[in-house]
């Protein structure tokens, strides 16, 4: 079976995706490299577009707020919520998607 370069890139980035806590992202935030991806978006598909330098798709997501640099407000809120993230590196960026906390019983 032959895979396209895009499929191979998707598989590679998917295998490099992992769960992180805020404390593991703080140093990346300090250098302005954390990019948050809205819930409901496919984190790996977004990472593929970043890796392919798809400026049109990225600009559209930035415009709609589906993708954007993590803000100071995020950096204050995430530790208080003890946030956990799915994350993948597409140098120089660290793309993150907050994992929803389970509802209290």
N, C-alpha and C. Protein backbone atom coordinates (compact mmCIF):
# COMPACT_ATOMS: atom_id res chain seq x y z
N UNK A 1 0.84 -1.17 0.00
CA UNK A 1 0.00 0.00 0.00
C UNK A 1 0.90 1.24 0.00
N UNK A 2 0.61 2.17 -0.86
CA UNK A 2 1.37 3.41 -0.95
C UNK A 2 0.63 4.52 -0.21
N UNK A 3 1.39 5.30 0.54
CA UNK A 3 0.82 6.41 1.28
C UNK A 3 1.34 7.71 0.69
N UNK A 4 0.49 8.72 0.67
CA UNK A 4 0.90 10.03 0.18
C UNK A 4 1.80 10.70 1.22
N UNK A 5 2.58 11.69 0.79
CA UNK A 5 3.40 12.42 1.76
C UNK A 5 2.57 13.03 2.89
N UNK A 6 1.37 13.51 2.57
CA UNK A 6 0.50 14.08 3.60
C UNK A 6 0.06 13.04 4.61
N UNK A 7 -0.24 11.83 4.13
CA UNK A 7 -0.64 10.76 5.04
C UNK A 7 0.53 10.34 5.94
N UNK A 8 1.72 10.29 5.37
CA UNK A 8 2.89 9.94 6.16
C UNK A 8 3.18 11.00 7.22
N UNK A 9 3.04 12.27 6.84
CA UNK A 9 3.25 13.36 7.79
C UNK A 9 2.22 13.29 8.91
N UNK A 10 0.97 13.04 8.56
CA UNK A 10 -0.10 12.92 9.55
C UNK A 10 0.22 11.78 10.53
N UNK A 11 0.64 10.65 10.02
CA UNK A 11 0.98 9.50 10.87
C UNK A 11 2.16 9.83 11.78
N UNK A 12 3.17 10.51 11.23
CA UNK A 12 4.35 10.89 12.03
C UNK A 12 3.96 11.82 13.16
N UNK A 13 3.19 12.87 12.85
CA UNK A 13 2.79 13.83 13.88
C UNK A 13 1.86 13.18 14.90
N UNK A 14 1.00 12.30 14.45
CA UNK A 14 0.11 11.60 15.37
C UNK A 14 0.92 10.78 16.38
N UNK A 15 1.97 10.14 15.90
CA UNK A 15 2.80 9.33 16.80
C UNK A 15 3.62 10.18 17.77
N UNK A 16 3.79 11.45 17.46
CA UNK A 16 4.56 12.37 18.30
C UNK A 16 3.67 13.18 19.24
N UNK A 17 2.37 12.95 19.22
CA UNK A 17 1.43 13.67 20.06
C UNK A 17 1.38 13.02 21.43
N UNK A 18 1.35 13.86 22.46
CA UNK A 18 1.30 13.33 23.82
C UNK A 18 0.56 14.25 24.75
N UNK A 19 0.30 13.73 25.94
CA UNK A 19 -0.38 14.50 26.98
C UNK A 19 0.65 15.22 27.84
N UNK A 20 0.38 16.50 28.11
CA UNK A 20 1.27 17.32 28.94
C UNK A 20 0.44 18.10 29.96
N UNK A 21 1.10 18.47 31.04
CA UNK A 21 0.50 19.35 32.03
C UNK A 21 1.07 20.75 31.81
N UNK A 22 0.39 21.73 32.37
CA UNK A 22 0.82 23.12 32.19
C UNK A 22 2.28 23.32 32.59
N UNK A 23 2.71 22.73 33.69
CA UNK A 23 4.09 22.95 34.14
C UNK A 23 5.11 22.54 33.08
N UNK A 24 4.74 21.59 32.22
CA UNK A 24 5.63 21.15 31.15
C UNK A 24 5.60 22.10 29.95
N UNK A 25 4.59 22.97 29.91
CA UNK A 25 4.47 23.92 28.80
C UNK A 25 4.95 25.32 29.16
N UNK A 26 5.14 25.59 30.44
CA UNK A 26 5.47 26.95 30.89
C UNK A 26 6.67 27.55 30.18
N UNK A 27 7.74 26.80 30.03
CA UNK A 27 8.94 27.37 29.39
C UNK A 27 8.69 27.68 27.93
N UNK A 28 7.84 26.89 27.27
CA UNK A 28 7.50 27.16 25.87
C UNK A 28 6.61 28.40 25.77
N UNK A 29 5.70 28.55 26.75
CA UNK A 29 4.88 29.76 26.80
C UNK A 29 5.76 30.99 26.98
N UNK A 30 6.76 30.87 27.85
CA UNK A 30 7.65 32.01 28.14
C UNK A 30 8.37 32.48 26.88
N UNK A 31 8.63 31.58 25.95
CA UNK A 31 9.30 32.00 24.71
C UNK A 31 8.31 32.29 23.57
N UNK A 32 7.01 32.29 23.91
CA UNK A 32 5.98 32.66 22.93
C UNK A 32 5.67 31.60 21.90
N UNK A 33 5.92 30.33 22.24
CA UNK A 33 5.80 29.26 21.25
C UNK A 33 4.55 28.40 21.39
N UNK A 34 3.72 28.66 22.40
CA UNK A 34 2.53 27.82 22.60
C UNK A 34 1.37 28.37 21.77
N UNK A 35 0.84 27.50 20.93
CA UNK A 35 -0.31 27.83 20.08
C UNK A 35 -1.45 26.93 20.51
N UNK A 36 -2.57 27.57 20.91
CA UNK A 36 -3.71 26.77 21.34
C UNK A 36 -4.64 26.51 20.16
N UNK A 37 -5.18 25.31 20.16
CA UNK A 37 -6.10 24.86 19.12
C UNK A 37 -7.45 24.64 19.77
N UNK A 38 -8.50 25.17 19.18
CA UNK A 38 -9.83 25.11 19.77
C UNK A 38 -10.32 23.67 19.93
N UNK A 39 -11.12 23.43 20.96
CA UNK A 39 -11.74 22.12 21.12
C UNK A 39 -12.57 21.80 19.88
N UNK A 40 -12.61 20.55 19.54
CA UNK A 40 -13.38 20.14 18.37
C UNK A 40 -12.59 20.12 17.08
N UNK A 41 -11.46 20.81 17.06
CA UNK A 41 -10.59 20.75 15.89
C UNK A 41 -9.69 19.53 16.00
N UNK A 42 -9.27 19.00 14.89
CA UNK A 42 -8.35 17.86 14.87
C UNK A 42 -6.93 18.41 15.04
N UNK A 43 -6.36 18.21 16.22
CA UNK A 43 -5.04 18.75 16.54
C UNK A 43 -3.99 18.30 15.54
N UNK A 44 -4.01 17.04 15.17
CA UNK A 44 -2.99 16.53 14.25
C UNK A 44 -3.18 17.13 12.86
N UNK A 45 -4.42 17.28 12.41
CA UNK A 45 -4.67 17.89 11.10
C UNK A 45 -4.17 19.34 11.09
N UNK A 46 -4.36 20.06 12.20
CA UNK A 46 -3.86 21.43 12.30
C UNK A 46 -2.33 21.41 12.26
N UNK A 47 -1.72 20.47 12.97
CA UNK A 47 -0.26 20.36 12.97
C UNK A 47 0.28 20.09 11.57
N UNK A 48 -0.42 19.26 10.81
CA UNK A 48 -0.01 18.98 9.43
C UNK A 48 0.01 20.27 8.63
N UNK A 49 -1.02 21.10 8.78
CA UNK A 49 -1.07 22.37 8.04
C UNK A 49 0.06 23.30 8.45
N UNK A 50 0.39 23.31 9.75
CA UNK A 50 1.54 24.11 10.20
C UNK A 50 2.82 23.58 9.58
N UNK A 51 3.00 22.27 9.59
CA UNK A 51 4.21 21.66 9.04
C UNK A 51 4.34 21.93 7.54
N UNK A 52 3.21 22.00 6.85
CA UNK A 52 3.20 22.25 5.41
C UNK A 52 3.22 23.74 5.10
N UNK A 53 3.25 24.58 6.15
CA UNK A 53 3.24 26.04 6.01
C UNK A 53 2.06 26.51 5.16
N UNK A 54 0.89 25.97 5.46
CA UNK A 54 -0.35 26.31 4.75
C UNK A 54 -0.87 27.64 5.30
N UNK A 55 -0.30 28.73 4.81
CA UNK A 55 -0.61 30.05 5.36
C UNK A 55 -2.07 30.44 5.20
N UNK A 56 -2.73 29.99 4.15
CA UNK A 56 -4.14 30.32 3.95
C UNK A 56 -5.00 29.70 5.04
N UNK A 57 -4.81 28.43 5.31
CA UNK A 57 -5.59 27.74 6.35
C UNK A 57 -5.28 28.34 7.73
N UNK A 58 -4.00 28.55 8.01
CA UNK A 58 -3.61 29.09 9.31
C UNK A 58 -4.17 30.49 9.51
N UNK A 59 -4.11 31.33 8.48
CA UNK A 59 -4.65 32.69 8.57
C UNK A 59 -6.15 32.65 8.83
N UNK A 60 -6.86 31.75 8.17
CA UNK A 60 -8.31 31.64 8.38
C UNK A 60 -8.62 31.24 9.81
N UNK A 61 -7.86 30.28 10.34
CA UNK A 61 -8.08 29.84 11.73
C UNK A 61 -7.73 30.95 12.72
N UNK A 62 -6.67 31.69 12.45
CA UNK A 62 -6.32 32.81 13.31
C UNK A 62 -7.44 33.85 13.31
N UNK A 63 -7.99 34.11 12.14
CA UNK A 63 -9.07 35.10 11.99
C UNK A 63 -10.30 34.70 12.78
N UNK A 64 -10.64 33.41 12.79
CA UNK A 64 -11.85 32.95 13.48
C UNK A 64 -11.59 32.61 14.95
N UNK A 65 -10.34 32.64 15.36
CA UNK A 65 -10.02 32.33 16.74
C UNK A 65 -9.93 30.84 17.05
N UNK A 66 -9.95 30.01 16.00
CA UNK A 66 -9.84 28.56 16.21
C UNK A 66 -8.42 28.16 16.59
N UNK A 67 -7.46 28.99 16.21
CA UNK A 67 -6.05 28.77 16.51
C UNK A 67 -5.49 30.13 16.93
N UNK A 68 -4.62 30.13 17.92
CA UNK A 68 -4.00 31.39 18.33
C UNK A 68 -2.95 31.16 19.39
N UNK A 69 -2.09 32.13 19.54
CA UNK A 69 -1.06 32.03 20.58
C UNK A 69 -1.72 32.04 21.94
N UNK A 70 -1.19 31.25 22.84
CA UNK A 70 -1.69 31.24 24.21
C UNK A 70 -1.46 32.63 24.81
N UNK A 71 -2.43 33.11 25.55
CA UNK A 71 -2.38 34.45 26.13
C UNK A 71 -1.95 34.40 27.59
N UNK A 72 -1.67 35.56 28.12
CA UNK A 72 -1.36 35.67 29.54
C UNK A 72 -2.54 35.18 30.37
N UNK A 73 -3.76 35.46 29.92
CA UNK A 73 -4.96 34.99 30.63
C UNK A 73 -4.99 33.46 30.67
N UNK A 74 -4.60 32.82 29.56
CA UNK A 74 -4.52 31.36 29.55
C UNK A 74 -3.50 30.87 30.57
N UNK A 75 -2.35 31.53 30.59
CA UNK A 75 -1.27 31.12 31.49
C UNK A 75 -1.65 31.27 32.96
N UNK A 76 -2.57 32.19 33.25
CA UNK A 76 -3.06 32.35 34.61
C UNK A 76 -4.14 31.31 34.92
N UNK A 77 -5.02 31.04 33.95
CA UNK A 77 -6.15 30.15 34.18
C UNK A 77 -5.77 28.66 34.20
N UNK A 78 -4.88 28.25 33.32
CA UNK A 78 -4.57 26.83 33.18
C UNK A 78 -4.06 26.18 34.47
N UNK A 79 -3.13 26.80 35.20
CA UNK A 79 -2.68 26.14 36.44
C UNK A 79 -3.81 26.00 37.47
N UNK A 80 -4.67 27.00 37.54
CA UNK A 80 -5.78 26.95 38.49
C UNK A 80 -6.76 25.83 38.19
N UNK A 81 -6.90 25.50 36.92
CA UNK A 81 -7.79 24.40 36.51
C UNK A 81 -7.07 23.07 36.48
N UNK A 82 -5.76 23.09 36.74
CA UNK A 82 -4.91 21.90 36.64
C UNK A 82 -5.10 21.26 35.26
N UNK A 83 -5.01 22.10 34.24
CA UNK A 83 -5.26 21.68 32.87
C UNK A 83 -4.25 20.65 32.38
N UNK A 84 -4.76 19.75 31.56
CA UNK A 84 -3.96 18.78 30.84
C UNK A 84 -4.22 19.02 29.37
N UNK A 85 -3.21 18.77 28.54
CA UNK A 85 -3.30 19.09 27.12
C UNK A 85 -2.84 17.92 26.26
N UNK A 86 -3.40 17.84 25.07
CA UNK A 86 -2.78 17.08 23.99
C UNK A 86 -1.83 18.07 23.35
N UNK A 87 -0.62 17.64 23.03
CA UNK A 87 0.37 18.56 22.47
C UNK A 87 1.19 17.86 21.40
N UNK A 88 1.61 18.66 20.43
CA UNK A 88 2.50 18.17 19.37
C UNK A 88 3.40 19.33 18.96
N UNK A 89 4.66 19.03 18.72
CA UNK A 89 5.62 20.06 18.33
C UNK A 89 5.73 20.10 16.81
N UNK A 90 5.55 21.30 16.27
CA UNK A 90 5.87 21.60 14.88
C UNK A 90 6.77 22.83 14.99
N UNK A 91 8.07 22.56 15.09
CA UNK A 91 9.04 23.61 15.40
C UNK A 91 8.84 24.84 14.51
N UNK A 92 8.84 26.01 15.11
CA UNK A 92 9.18 26.32 16.49
C UNK A 92 7.98 26.30 17.44
N UNK A 93 6.84 25.84 16.98
CA UNK A 93 5.60 25.91 17.74
C UNK A 93 5.33 24.64 18.54
N UNK A 94 4.63 24.82 19.66
CA UNK A 94 4.06 23.71 20.42
C UNK A 94 2.56 23.91 20.35
N UNK A 95 1.88 23.08 19.58
CA UNK A 95 0.43 23.17 19.44
C UNK A 95 -0.22 22.38 20.56
N UNK A 96 -1.18 23.01 21.24
CA UNK A 96 -1.84 22.38 22.37
C UNK A 96 -3.34 22.47 22.25
N UNK A 97 -3.99 21.47 22.82
CA UNK A 97 -5.45 21.45 22.88
C UNK A 97 -5.82 20.99 24.29
N UNK A 98 -6.50 21.84 25.01
CA UNK A 98 -6.85 21.50 26.39
C UNK A 98 -7.81 20.32 26.39
N UNK A 99 -7.54 19.38 27.29
CA UNK A 99 -8.42 18.23 27.48
C UNK A 99 -9.45 18.62 28.50
N UNK A 100 -10.71 18.50 28.15
CA UNK A 100 -11.77 18.89 29.05
C UNK A 100 -11.71 18.08 30.33
N UNK A 101 -11.83 18.78 31.45
CA UNK A 101 -11.84 18.10 32.74
C UNK A 101 -13.16 17.38 32.91
N UNK A 102 -13.16 16.21 33.52
CA UNK A 102 -14.40 15.50 33.73
C UNK A 102 -15.32 16.29 34.66
N UNK A 103 -16.61 16.19 34.42
CA UNK A 103 -17.60 16.86 35.26
C UNK A 103 -17.61 16.22 36.64
N UNK A 104 -17.67 17.03 37.70
CA UNK A 104 -17.75 16.44 39.04
C UNK A 104 -19.03 15.63 39.19
N UNK A 105 -18.94 14.54 39.92
CA UNK A 105 -20.11 13.67 40.09
C UNK A 105 -21.05 14.20 41.13
